[in-house]
Amino acid sequence: RPNYAGGVFEVLSAFRNAKGQTSLNRIQSYLNKMDFIYPYHQAIGFY
């Protein structure tokens, strides 16, 4: 929901500001549990 985050450019900025603070395994685990219909893993990978 980038419209709740100031738009896609703000989302990209947030990803950049998260550098060194994230766990890729945790992101993958959350995506598996959230089980989206849409392929949001592609957008996450892009960011």
ModelCIF file with pLDDT and N, C-alpha, C, O atoms, coordinates in Angstrom:
data_MODEL
#
_entry.id   MODEL 
#
_entity.id                         1 
_entity.type                       polymer 
_entity.pdbx_number_of_molecules   1 
#
_entity_poly.entity_id                      1 
_entity_poly.type                           'polypeptide(L)' 
_entity_poly.nstd_linkage                   no 
_entity_poly.nstd_monomer                   no 
_entity_poly.pdbx_seq_one_letter_code       RPNYAGGVFEVLSAFRNAKGQTSLNRIQSYLNKMDFIYPYHQAIGFY 
_entity_poly.pdbx_seq_one_letter_code_can   RPNYAGGVFEVLSAFRNAKGQTSLNRIQSYLNKMDFIYPYHQAIGFY 
_entity_poly.pdbx_strand_id                 A 
#
loop_
_entity_poly_seq.entity_id 
_entity_poly_seq.num 
_entity_poly_seq.mon_id 
_entity_poly_seq.hetero 
1 1  ARG n 
1 2  PRO n 
1 3  ASN n 
1 4  TYR n 
1 5  ALA n 
1 6  GLY n 
1 7  GLY n 
1 8  VAL n 
1 9  PHE n 
1 10 GLU n 
1 11 VAL n 
1 12 LEU n 
1 13 SER n 
1 14 ALA n 
1 15 PHE n 
1 16 ARG n 
1 17 ASN n 
1 18 ALA n 
1 19 LYS n 
1 20 GLY n 
1 21 GLN n 
1 22 THR n 
1 23 SER n 
1 24 LEU n 
1 25 ASN n 
1 26 ARG n 
1 27 ILE n 
1 28 GLN n 
1 29 SER n 
1 30 TYR n 
1 31 LEU n 
1 32 ASN n 
1 33 LYS n 
1 34 MET n 
1 35 ASP n 
1 36 PHE n 
1 37 ILE n 
1 38 TYR n 
1 39 PRO n 
1 40 TYR n 
1 41 HIS n 
1 42 GLN n 
1 43 ALA n 
1 44 ILE n 
1 45 GLY n 
1 46 PHE n 
1 47 TYR n 
#
_struct_asym.id          A 
_struct_asym.entity_id   1 
#
loop_
_ma_qa_metric.id 
_ma_qa_metric.mode 
_ma_qa_metric.name 
_ma_qa_metric.software_group_id 
_ma_qa_metric.type 
1 global pLDDT . pLDDT 
2 local  pLDDT . pLDDT 
#
_ma_qa_metric_global.metric_id      1 
_ma_qa_metric_global.metric_value   96.83 
_ma_qa_metric_global.model_id       1 
_ma_qa_metric_global.ordinal_id     1 
#
loop_
_ma_qa_metric_local.label_asym_id 
_ma_qa_metric_local.label_comp_id 
_ma_qa_metric_local.label_seq_id 
_ma_qa_metric_local.metric_id 
_ma_qa_metric_local.metric_value 
_ma_qa_metric_local.model_id 
_ma_qa_metric_local.ordinal_id 
A ARG 1  2 98.00 1 1  
A PRO 2  2 98.00 1 2  
A ASN 3  2 97.00 1 3  
A TYR 4  2 98.00 1 4  
A ALA 5  2 98.00 1 5  
A GLY 6  2 96.00 1 6  
A GLY 7  2 97.00 1 7  
A VAL 8  2 98.00 1 8  
A PHE 9  2 97.00 1 9  
A GLU 10 2 98.00 1 10 
A VAL 11 2 98.00 1 11 
A LEU 12 2 98.00 1 12 
A SER 13 2 98.00 1 13 
A ALA 14 2 98.00 1 14 
A PHE 15 2 98.00 1 15 
A ARG 16 2 98.00 1 16 
A ASN 17 2 98.00 1 17 
A ALA 18 2 98.00 1 18 
A LYS 19 2 96.00 1 19 
A GLY 20 2 95.00 1 20 
A GLN 21 2 96.00 1 21 
A THR 22 2 96.00 1 22 
A SER 23 2 97.00 1 23 
A LEU 24 2 97.00 1 24 
A ASN 25 2 96.00 1 25 
A ARG 26 2 97.00 1 26 
A ILE 27 2 97.00 1 27 
A GLN 28 2 96.00 1 28 
A SER 29 2 97.00 1 29 
A TYR 30 2 97.00 1 30 
A LEU 31 2 97.00 1 31 
A ASN 32 2 95.00 1 32 
A LYS 33 2 95.00 1 33 
A MET 34 2 95.00 1 34 
A ASP 35 2 92.00 1 35 
A PHE 36 2 94.00 1 36 
A ILE 37 2 93.00 1 37 
A TYR 38 2 96.00 1 38 
A PRO 39 2 96.00 1 39 
A TYR 40 2 97.00 1 40 
A HIS 41 2 97.00 1 41 
A GLN 42 2 98.00 1 42 
A ALA 43 2 98.00 1 43 
A ILE 44 2 98.00 1 44 
A GLY 45 2 98.00 1 45 
A PHE 46 2 98.00 1 46 
A TYR 47 2 98.00 1 47 
#
loop_
_atom_site.group_PDB 
_atom_site.id 
_atom_site.type_symbol 
_atom_site.label_atom_id 
_atom_site.label_alt_id 
_atom_site.label_comp_id 
_atom_site.label_asym_id 
_atom_site.label_entity_id 
_atom_site.label_seq_id 
_atom_site.pdbx_PDB_ins_code 
_atom_site.Cartn_x 
_atom_site.Cartn_y 
_atom_site.Cartn_z 
_atom_site.occupancy 
_atom_site.B_iso_or_equiv 
_atom_site.pdbx_formal_charge 
_atom_site.auth_seq_id 
_atom_site.auth_comp_id 
_atom_site.auth_asym_id 
_atom_site.auth_atom_id 
_atom_site.pdbx_PDB_model_num 
ATOM 1   N N  . ARG A 1 1  ? 0.843  -1.205  0.000  1.00 98.00 ? 1  ARG A N  1 
ATOM 2   C CA . ARG A 1 1  ? 0.000  0.000   0.000  1.00 98.00 ? 1  ARG A CA 1 
ATOM 3   C C  . ARG A 1 1  ? 0.879  1.257   0.000  1.00 98.00 ? 1  ARG A C  1 
ATOM 4   O O  . ARG A 1 1  ? 0.970  1.945   1.017  1.00 98.00 ? 1  ARG A O  1 
ATOM 5   N N  . PRO A 1 2  ? 1.526  1.561   -1.132 1.00 98.00 ? 2  PRO A N  1 
ATOM 6   C CA . PRO A 1 2  ? 2.384  2.756   -1.168 1.00 98.00 ? 2  PRO A CA 1 
ATOM 7   C C  . PRO A 1 2  ? 1.612  4.057   -0.957 1.00 98.00 ? 2  PRO A C  1 
ATOM 8   O O  . PRO A 1 2  ? 2.204  5.064   -0.567 1.00 98.00 ? 2  PRO A O  1 
ATOM 9   N N  . ASN A 1 3  ? 0.304  4.054   -1.207 1.00 97.00 ? 3  ASN A N  1 
ATOM 10  C CA . ASN A 1 3  ? -0.490 5.259   -0.985 1.00 97.00 ? 3  ASN A CA 1 
ATOM 11  C C  . ASN A 1 3  ? -0.633 5.584   0.497  1.00 97.00 ? 3  ASN A C  1 
ATOM 12  O O  . ASN A 1 3  ? -1.029 6.697   0.846  1.00 97.00 ? 3  ASN A O  1 
ATOM 13  N N  . TYR A 1 4  ? -0.317 4.634   1.375  1.00 98.00 ? 4  TYR A N  1 
ATOM 14  C CA . TYR A 1 4  ? -0.288 4.896   2.812  1.00 98.00 ? 4  TYR A CA 1 
ATOM 15  C C  . TYR A 1 4  ? 1.132  5.197   3.285  1.00 98.00 ? 4  TYR A C  1 
ATOM 16  O O  . TYR A 1 4  ? 1.398  5.240   4.486  1.00 98.00 ? 4  TYR A O  1 
ATOM 17  N N  . ALA A 1 5  ? 2.033  5.402   2.340  1.00 98.00 ? 5  ALA A N  1 
ATOM 18  C CA . ALA A 1 5  ? 3.441  5.617   2.693  1.00 98.00 ? 5  ALA A CA 1 
ATOM 19  C C  . ALA A 1 5  ? 4.052  6.814   1.970  1.00 98.00 ? 5  ALA A C  1 
ATOM 20  O O  . ALA A 1 5  ? 5.271  6.989   1.969  1.00 98.00 ? 5  ALA A O  1 
ATOM 21  N N  . GLY A 1 6  ? 3.202  7.637   1.356  1.00 96.00 ? 6  GLY A N  1 
ATOM 22  C CA . GLY A 1 6  ? 3.712  8.811   0.653  1.00 96.00 ? 6  GLY A CA 1 
ATOM 23  C C  . GLY A 1 6  ? 4.039  8.567   -0.801 1.00 96.00 ? 6  GLY A C  1 
ATOM 24  O O  . GLY A 1 6  ? 4.554  9.459   -1.474 1.00 96.00 ? 6  GLY A O  1 
ATOM 25  N N  . GLY A 1 7  ? 3.748  7.363   -1.309 1.00 97.00 ? 7  GLY A N  1 
ATOM 26  C CA . GLY A 1 7  ? 4.009  7.070   -2.715 1.00 97.00 ? 7  GLY A CA 1 
ATOM 27  C C  . GLY A 1 7  ? 5.236  6.200   -2.915 1.00 97.00 ? 7  GLY A C  1 
ATOM 28  O O  . GLY A 1 7  ? 6.000  5.962   -1.980 1.00 97.00 ? 7  GLY A O  1 
ATOM 29  N N  . VAL A 1 8  ? 5.418  5.730   -4.134 1.00 98.00 ? 8  VAL A N  1 
ATOM 30  C CA . VAL A 1 8  ? 6.462  4.742   -4.412 1.00 98.00 ? 8  VAL A CA 1 
ATOM 31  C C  . VAL A 1 8  ? 7.875  5.296   -4.222 1.00 98.00 ? 8  VAL A C  1 
ATOM 32  O O  . VAL A 1 8  ? 8.788  4.542   -3.883 1.00 98.00 ? 8  VAL A O  1 
ATOM 33  N N  . PHE A 1 9  ? 8.071  6.595   -4.434 1.00 97.00 ? 9  PHE A N  1 
ATOM 34  C CA . PHE A 1 9  ? 9.406  7.158   -4.233 1.00 97.00 ? 9  PHE A CA 1 
ATOM 35  C C  . PHE A 1 9  ? 9.759  7.193   -2.743 1.00 97.00 ? 9  PHE A C  1 
ATOM 36  O O  . PHE A 1 9  ? 10.910 6.974   -2.366 1.00 97.00 ? 9  PHE A O  1 
ATOM 37  N N  . GLU A 1 10 ? 8.759  7.470   -1.902 1.00 98.00 ? 10 GLU A N  1 
ATOM 38  C CA . GLU A 1 10 ? 8.978  7.422   -0.456 1.00 98.00 ? 10 GLU A CA 1 
ATOM 39  C C  . GLU A 1 10 ? 9.245  5.984   -0.002 1.00 98.00 ? 10 GLU A C  1 
ATOM 40  O O  . GLU A 1 10 ? 10.037 5.749   0.911  1.00 98.00 ? 10 GLU A O  1 
ATOM 41  N N  . VAL A 1 11 ? 8.584  5.039   -0.642 1.00 98.00 ? 11 VAL A N  1 
ATOM 42  C CA . VAL A 1 11 ? 8.822  3.632   -0.316 1.00 98.00 ? 11 VAL A CA 1 
ATOM 43  C C  . VAL A 1 11 ? 10.273 3.260   -0.625 1.00 98.00 ? 11 VAL A C  1 
ATOM 44  O O  . VAL A 1 11 ? 10.944 2.634   0.196  1.00 98.00 ? 11 VAL A O  1 
ATOM 45  N N  . LEU A 1 12 ? 10.750 3.642   -1.794 1.00 98.00 ? 12 LEU A N  1 
ATOM 46  C CA . LEU A 1 12 ? 12.145 3.362   -2.157 1.00 98.00 ? 12 LEU A CA 1 
ATOM 47  C C  . LEU A 1 12 ? 13.100 4.019   -1.159 1.00 98.00 ? 12 LEU A C  1 
ATOM 48  O O  . LEU A 1 12 ? 14.096 3.414   -0.762 1.00 98.00 ? 12 LEU A O  1 
ATOM 49  N N  . SER A 1 13 ? 12.798 5.253   -0.755 1.00 98.00 ? 13 SER A N  1 
ATOM 50  C CA . SER A 1 13 ? 13.632 5.938   0.229  1.00 98.00 ? 13 SER A CA 1 
ATOM 51  C C  . SER A 1 13 ? 13.650 5.186   1.558  1.00 98.00 ? 13 SER A C  1 
ATOM 52  O O  . SER A 1 13 ? 14.690 5.093   2.210  1.00 98.00 ? 13 SER A O  1 
ATOM 53  N N  . ALA A 1 14 ? 12.494 4.652   1.955  1.00 98.00 ? 14 ALA A N  1 
ATOM 54  C CA . ALA A 1 14 ? 12.422 3.888   3.204  1.00 98.00 ? 14 ALA A CA 1 
ATOM 55  C C  . ALA A 1 14 ? 13.295 2.638   3.118  1.00 98.00 ? 14 ALA A C  1 
ATOM 56  O O  . ALA A 1 14 ? 13.982 2.297   4.080  1.00 98.00 ? 14 ALA A O  1 
ATOM 57  N N  . PHE A 1 15 ? 13.272 1.954   1.978  1.00 98.00 ? 15 PHE A N  1 
ATOM 58  C CA . PHE A 1 15 ? 14.125 0.776   1.800  1.00 98.00 ? 15 PHE A CA 1 
ATOM 59  C C  . PHE A 1 15 ? 15.600 1.173   1.924  1.00 98.00 ? 15 PHE A C  1 
ATOM 60  O O  . PHE A 1 15 ? 16.382 0.471   2.564  1.00 98.00 ? 15 PHE A O  1 
ATOM 61  N N  . ARG A 1 16 ? 15.972 2.287   1.315  1.00 98.00 ? 16 ARG A N  1 
ATOM 62  C CA . ARG A 1 16 ? 17.368 2.734   1.405  1.00 98.00 ? 16 ARG A CA 1 
ATOM 63  C C  . ARG A 1 16 ? 17.752 3.053   2.841  1.00 98.00 ? 16 ARG A C  1 
ATOM 64  O O  . ARG A 1 16 ? 18.861 2.745   3.277  1.00 98.00 ? 16 ARG A O  1 
ATOM 65  N N  . ASN A 1 17 ? 16.828 3.677   3.579  1.00 98.00 ? 17 ASN A N  1 
ATOM 66  C CA . ASN A 1 17 ? 17.108 4.027   4.973  1.00 98.00 ? 17 ASN A CA 1 
ATOM 67  C C  . ASN A 1 17 ? 17.141 2.805   5.888  1.00 98.00 ? 17 ASN A C  1 
ATOM 68  O O  . ASN A 1 17 ? 17.641 2.876   7.011  1.00 98.00 ? 17 ASN A O  1 
ATOM 69  N N  . ALA A 1 18 ? 16.604 1.681   5.399  1.00 98.00 ? 18 ALA A N  1 
ATOM 70  C CA . ALA A 1 18 ? 16.588 0.453   6.204  1.00 98.00 ? 18 ALA A CA 1 
ATOM 71  C C  . ALA A 1 18 ? 17.862 -0.370  6.030  1.00 98.00 ? 18 ALA A C  1 
ATOM 72  O O  . ALA A 1 18 ? 17.994 -1.440  6.624  1.00 98.00 ? 18 ALA A O  1 
ATOM 73  N N  . LYS A 1 19 ? 18.781 0.113   5.235  1.00 96.00 ? 19 LYS A N  1 
ATOM 74  C CA . LYS A 1 19 ? 19.998 -0.655  4.960  1.00 96.00 ? 19 LYS A CA 1 
ATOM 75  C C  . LYS A 1 19 ? 20.731 -1.002  6.260  1.00 96.00 ? 19 LYS A C  1 
ATOM 76  O O  . LYS A 1 19 ? 20.942 -0.142  7.116  1.00 96.00 ? 19 LYS A O  1 
ATOM 77  N N  . GLY A 1 20 ? 21.109 -2.259  6.391  1.00 95.00 ? 20 GLY A N  1 
ATOM 78  C CA . GLY A 1 20 ? 21.814 -2.706  7.580  1.00 95.00 ? 20 GLY A CA 1 
ATOM 79  C C  . GLY A 1 20 ? 20.909 -3.029  8.756  1.00 95.00 ? 20 GLY A C  1 
ATOM 80  O O  . GLY A 1 20 ? 21.392 -3.409  9.823  1.00 95.00 ? 20 GLY A O  1 
ATOM 81  N N  . GLN A 1 21 ? 19.596 -2.882  8.574  1.00 96.00 ? 21 GLN A N  1 
ATOM 82  C CA . GLN A 1 21 ? 18.667 -3.098  9.687  1.00 96.00 ? 21 GLN A CA 1 
ATOM 83  C C  . GLN A 1 21 ? 17.650 -4.206  9.416  1.00 96.00 ? 21 GLN A C  1 
ATOM 84  O O  . GLN A 1 21 ? 16.756 -4.442  10.228 1.00 96.00 ? 21 GLN A O  1 
ATOM 85  N N  . THR A 1 22 ? 17.785 -4.884  8.280  1.00 96.00 ? 22 THR A N  1 
ATOM 86  C CA . THR A 1 22 ? 16.764 -5.854  7.887  1.00 96.00 ? 22 THR A CA 1 
ATOM 87  C C  . THR A 1 22 ? 17.319 -7.273  7.825  1.00 96.00 ? 22 THR A C  1 
ATOM 88  O O  . THR A 1 22 ? 18.522 -7.495  7.693  1.00 96.00 ? 22 THR A O  1 
ATOM 89  N N  . SER A 1 23 ? 16.403 -8.213  7.926  1.00 97.00 ? 23 SER A N  1 
ATOM 90  C CA . SER A 1 23 ? 16.725 -9.634  7.756  1.00 97.00 ? 23 SER A CA 1 
ATOM 91  C C  . SER A 1 23 ? 15.984 -10.147 6.534  1.00 97.00 ? 23 SER A C  1 
ATOM 92  O O  . SER A 1 23 ? 14.754 -10.150 6.501  1.00 97.00 ? 23 SER A O  1 
ATOM 93  N N  . LEU A 1 24 ? 16.735 -10.580 5.533  1.00 97.00 ? 24 LEU A N  1 
ATOM 94  C CA . LEU A 1 24 ? 16.113 -11.104 4.322  1.00 97.00 ? 24 LEU A CA 1 
ATOM 95  C C  . LEU A 1 24 ? 15.341 -12.392 4.622  1.00 97.00 ? 24 LEU A C  1 
ATOM 96  O O  . LEU A 1 24 ? 14.289 -12.644 4.034  1.00 97.00 ? 24 LEU A O  1 
ATOM 97  N N  . ASN A 1 25 ? 15.864 -13.191 5.527  1.00 96.00 ? 25 ASN A N  1 
ATOM 98  C CA . ASN A 1 25 ? 15.153 -14.417 5.903  1.00 96.00 ? 25 ASN A CA 1 
ATOM 99  C C  . ASN A 1 25 ? 13.814 -14.097 6.558  1.00 96.00 ? 25 ASN A C  1 
ATOM 100 O O  . ASN A 1 25 ? 12.822 -14.789 6.328  1.00 96.00 ? 25 ASN A O  1 
ATOM 101 N N  . ARG A 1 26 ? 13.791 -13.050 7.370  1.00 97.00 ? 26 ARG A N  1 
ATOM 102 C CA . ARG A 1 26 ? 12.538 -12.670 8.017  1.00 97.00 ? 26 ARG A CA 1 
ATOM 103 C C  . ARG A 1 26 ? 11.538 -12.140 6.993  1.00 97.00 ? 26 ARG A C  1 
ATOM 104 O O  . ARG A 1 26 ? 10.346 -12.441 7.068  1.00 97.00 ? 26 ARG A O  1 
ATOM 105 N N  . ILE A 1 27 ? 12.024 -11.352 6.039  1.00 97.00 ? 27 ILE A N  1 
ATOM 106 C CA . ILE A 1 27 ? 11.142 -10.862 4.980  1.00 97.00 ? 27 ILE A CA 1 
ATOM 107 C C  . ILE A 1 27 ? 10.533 -12.033 4.223  1.00 97.00 ? 27 ILE A C  1 
ATOM 108 O O  . ILE A 1 27 ? 9.328  -12.061 3.972  1.00 97.00 ? 27 ILE A O  1 
ATOM 109 N N  . GLN A 1 28 ? 11.375 -13.001 3.859  1.00 96.00 ? 28 GLN A N  1 
ATOM 110 C CA . GLN A 1 28 ? 10.895 -14.185 3.149  1.00 96.00 ? 28 GLN A CA 1 
ATOM 111 C C  . GLN A 1 28 ? 9.880  -14.964 3.988  1.00 96.00 ? 28 GLN A C  1 
ATOM 112 O O  . GLN A 1 28 ? 8.860  -15.424 3.473  1.00 96.00 ? 28 GLN A O  1 
ATOM 113 N N  . SER A 1 29 ? 10.165 -15.105 5.270  1.00 97.00 ? 29 SER A N  1 
ATOM 114 C CA . SER A 1 29 ? 9.256  -15.821 6.168  1.00 97.00 ? 29 SER A CA 1 
ATOM 115 C C  . SER A 1 29 ? 7.908  -15.106 6.265  1.00 97.00 ? 29 SER A C  1 
ATOM 116 O O  . SER A 1 29 ? 6.857  -15.744 6.215  1.00 97.00 ? 29 SER A O  1 
ATOM 117 N N  . TYR A 1 30 ? 7.943  -13.780 6.403  1.00 97.00 ? 30 TYR A N  1 
ATOM 118 C CA . TYR A 1 30 ? 6.698  -13.014 6.479  1.00 97.00 ? 30 TYR A CA 1 
ATOM 119 C C  . TYR A 1 30 ? 5.889  -13.147 5.189  1.00 97.00 ? 30 TYR A C  1 
ATOM 120 O O  . TYR A 1 30 ? 4.671  -13.320 5.231  1.00 97.00 ? 30 TYR A O  1 
ATOM 121 N N  . LEU A 1 31 ? 6.568  -13.064 4.046  1.00 97.00 ? 31 LEU A N  1 
ATOM 122 C CA . LEU A 1 31 ? 5.861  -13.184 2.767  1.00 97.00 ? 31 LEU A CA 1 
ATOM 123 C C  . LEU A 1 31 ? 5.181  -14.553 2.650  1.00 97.00 ? 31 LEU A C  1 
ATOM 124 O O  . LEU A 1 31 ? 4.056  -14.653 2.158  1.00 97.00 ? 31 LEU A O  1 
ATOM 125 N N  . ASN A 1 32 ? 5.863  -15.596 3.100  1.00 95.00 ? 32 ASN A N  1 
ATOM 126 C CA . ASN A 1 32 ? 5.272  -16.936 3.042  1.00 95.00 ? 32 ASN A CA 1 
ATOM 127 C C  . ASN A 1 32 ? 4.025  -17.022 3.923  1.00 95.00 ? 32 ASN A C  1 
ATOM 128 O O  . ASN A 1 32 ? 3.015  -17.608 3.533  1.00 95.00 ? 32 ASN A O  1 
ATOM 129 N N  . LYS A 1 33 ? 4.111  -16.434 5.108  1.00 95.00 ? 33 LYS A N  1 
ATOM 130 C CA . LYS A 1 33 ? 2.985  -16.502 6.044  1.00 95.00 ? 33 LYS A CA 1 
ATOM 131 C C  . LYS A 1 33 ? 1.830  -15.600 5.612  1.00 95.00 ? 33 LYS A C  1 
ATOM 132 O O  . LYS A 1 33 ? 0.665  -15.932 5.835  1.00 95.00 ? 33 LYS A O  1 
ATOM 133 N N  . MET A 1 34 ? 2.147  -14.465 4.996  1.00 95.00 ? 34 MET A N  1 
ATOM 134 C CA . MET A 1 34 ? 1.095  -13.537 4.582  1.00 95.00 ? 34 MET A CA 1 
ATOM 135 C C  . MET A 1 34 ? 0.366  -14.040 3.337  1.00 95.00 ? 34 MET A C  1 
ATOM 136 O O  . MET A 1 34 ? -0.790 -13.692 3.100  1.00 95.00 ? 34 MET A O  1 
ATOM 137 N N  . ASP A 1 35 ? 1.047  -14.851 2.555  1.00 92.00 ? 35 ASP A N  1 
ATOM 138 C CA . ASP A 1 35 ? 0.411  -15.621 1.479  1.00 92.00 ? 35 ASP A CA 1 
ATOM 139 C C  . ASP A 1 35 ? -0.456 -14.751 0.558  1.00 92.00 ? 35 ASP A C  1 
ATOM 140 O O  . ASP A 1 35 ? -1.656 -14.990 0.421  1.00 92.00 ? 35 ASP A O  1 
ATOM 141 N N  . PHE A 1 36 ? 0.158  -13.749 -0.065 1.00 94.00 ? 36 PHE A N  1 
ATOM 142 C CA . PHE A 1 36 ? -0.572 -12.837 -0.941 1.00 94.00 ? 36 PHE A CA 1 
ATOM 143 C C  . PHE A 1 36 ? -0.996 -13.531 -2.239 1.00 94.00 ? 36 PHE A C  1 
ATOM 144 O O  . PHE A 1 36 ? -0.324 -14.436 -2.731 1.00 94.00 ? 36 PHE A O  1 
ATOM 145 N N  . ILE A 1 37 ? -2.117 -13.083 -2.768 1.00 93.00 ? 37 ILE A N  1 
ATOM 146 C CA . ILE A 1 37 ? -2.532 -13.516 -4.100 1.00 93.00 ? 37 ILE A CA 1 
ATOM 147 C C  . ILE A 1 37 ? -1.640 -12.865 -5.158 1.00 93.00 ? 37 ILE A C  1 
ATOM 148 O O  . ILE A 1 37 ? -1.175 -13.531 -6.084 1.00 93.00 ? 37 ILE A O  1 
ATOM 149 N N  . TYR A 1 38 ? -1.408 -11.566 -5.014 1.00 96.00 ? 38 TYR A N  1 
ATOM 150 C CA . TYR A 1 38 ? -0.545 -10.848 -5.950 1.00 96.00 ? 38 TYR A CA 1 
ATOM 151 C C  . TYR A 1 38 ? 0.927  -11.164 -5.663 1.00 96.00 ? 38 TYR A C  1 
ATOM 152 O O  . TYR A 1 38 ? 1.281  -11.448 -4.519 1.00 96.00 ? 38 TYR A O  1 
ATOM 153 N N  . PRO A 1 39 ? 1.776  -11.119 -6.672 1.00 96.00 ? 39 PRO A N  1 
ATOM 154 C CA . PRO A 1 39 ? 3.197  -11.461 -6.490 1.00 96.00 ? 39 PRO A CA 1 
ATOM 155 C C  . PRO A 1 39 ? 4.016  -10.295 -5.922 1.00 96.00 ? 39 PRO A C  1 
ATOM 156 O O  . PRO A 1 39 ? 4.901  -9.753  -6.585 1.00 96.00 ? 39 PRO A O  1 
ATOM 157 N N  . TYR A 1 40 ? 3.695  -9.927  -4.685 1.00 97.00 ? 40 TYR A N  1 
ATOM 158 C CA . TYR A 1 40 ? 4.406  -8.800  -4.073 1.00 97.00 ? 40 TYR A CA 1 
ATOM 159 C C  . TYR A 1 40 ? 5.878  -9.106  -3.830 1.00 97.00 ? 40 TYR A C  1 
ATOM 160 O O  . TYR A 1 40 ? 6.667  -8.183  -3.627 1.00 97.00 ? 40 TYR A O  1 
ATOM 161 N N  . HIS A 1 41 ? 6.267  -10.381 -3.845 1.00 97.00 ? 41 HIS A N  1 
ATOM 162 C CA . HIS A 1 41 ? 7.681  -10.705 -3.684 1.00 97.00 ? 41 HIS A CA 1 
ATOM 163 C C  . HIS A 1 41 ? 8.508  -10.112 -4.820 1.00 97.00 ? 41 HIS A C  1 
ATOM 164 O O  . HIS A 1 41 ? 9.694  -9.828  -4.646 1.00 97.00 ? 41 HIS A O  1 
ATOM 165 N N  . GLN A 1 42 ? 7.886  -9.925  -5.981 1.00 98.00 ? 42 GLN A N  1 
ATOM 166 C CA . GLN A 1 42 ? 8.614  -9.304  -7.097 1.00 98.00 ? 42 GLN A CA 1 
ATOM 167 C C  . GLN A 1 42 ? 8.887  -7.829  -6.802 1.00 98.00 ? 42 GLN A C  1 
ATOM 168 O O  . GLN A 1 42 ? 9.984  -7.333  -7.059 1.00 98.00 ? 42 GLN A O  1 
ATOM 169 N N  . ALA A 1 43 ? 7.882  -7.129  -6.259 1.00 98.00 ? 43 ALA A N  1 
ATOM 170 C CA . ALA A 1 43 ? 8.066  -5.718  -5.918 1.00 98.00 ? 43 ALA A CA 1 
ATOM 171 C C  . ALA A 1 43 ? 9.061  -5.568  -4.772 1.00 98.00 ? 43 ALA A C  1 
ATOM 172 O O  . ALA A 1 43 ? 9.884  -4.653  -4.780 1.00 98.00 ? 43 ALA A O  1 
ATOM 173 N N  . ILE A 1 44 ? 8.990  -6.467  -3.780 1.00 98.00 ? 44 ILE A N  1 
ATOM 174 C CA . ILE A 1 44 ? 9.939  -6.431  -2.660 1.00 98.00 ? 44 ILE A CA 1 
ATOM 175 C C  . ILE A 1 44 ? 11.361 -6.649  -3.187 1.00 98.00 ? 44 ILE A C  1 
ATOM 176 O O  . ILE A 1 44 ? 12.288 -5.935  -2.804 1.00 98.00 ? 44 ILE A O  1 
ATOM 177 N N  . GLY A 1 45 ? 11.522 -7.636  -4.063 1.00 98.00 ? 45 GLY A N  1 
ATOM 178 C CA . GLY A 1 45 ? 12.840 -7.904  -4.646 1.00 98.00 ? 45 GLY A CA 1 
ATOM 179 C C  . GLY A 1 45 ? 13.358 -6.711  -5.418 1.00 98.00 ? 45 GLY A C  1 
ATOM 180 O O  . GLY A 1 45 ? 14.542 -6.382  -5.339 1.00 98.00 ? 45 GLY A O  1 
ATOM 181 N N  . PHE A 1 46 ? 12.473 -6.054  -6.170 1.00 98.00 ? 46 PHE A N  1 
ATOM 182 C CA . PHE A 1 46 ? 12.860 -4.859  -6.918 1.00 98.00 ? 46 PHE A CA 1 
ATOM 183 C C  . PHE A 1 46 ? 13.381 -3.771  -5.984 1.00 98.00 ? 46 PHE A C  1 
ATOM 184 O O  . PHE A 1 46 ? 14.450 -3.206  -6.215 1.00 98.00 ? 46 PHE A O  1 
ATOM 185 N N  . TYR A 1 47 ? 12.621 -3.482  -4.927 1.00 98.00 ? 47 TYR A N  1 
ATOM 186 C CA . TYR A 1 47 ? 13.020 -2.418  -3.996 1.00 98.00 ? 47 TYR A CA 1 
ATOM 187 C C  . TYR A 1 47 ? 14.323 -2.761  -3.286 1.00 98.00 ? 47 TYR A C  1 
ATOM 188 O O  . TYR A 1 47 ? 14.805 -1.978  -2.468 1.00 98.00 ? 47 TYR A O  1 
#
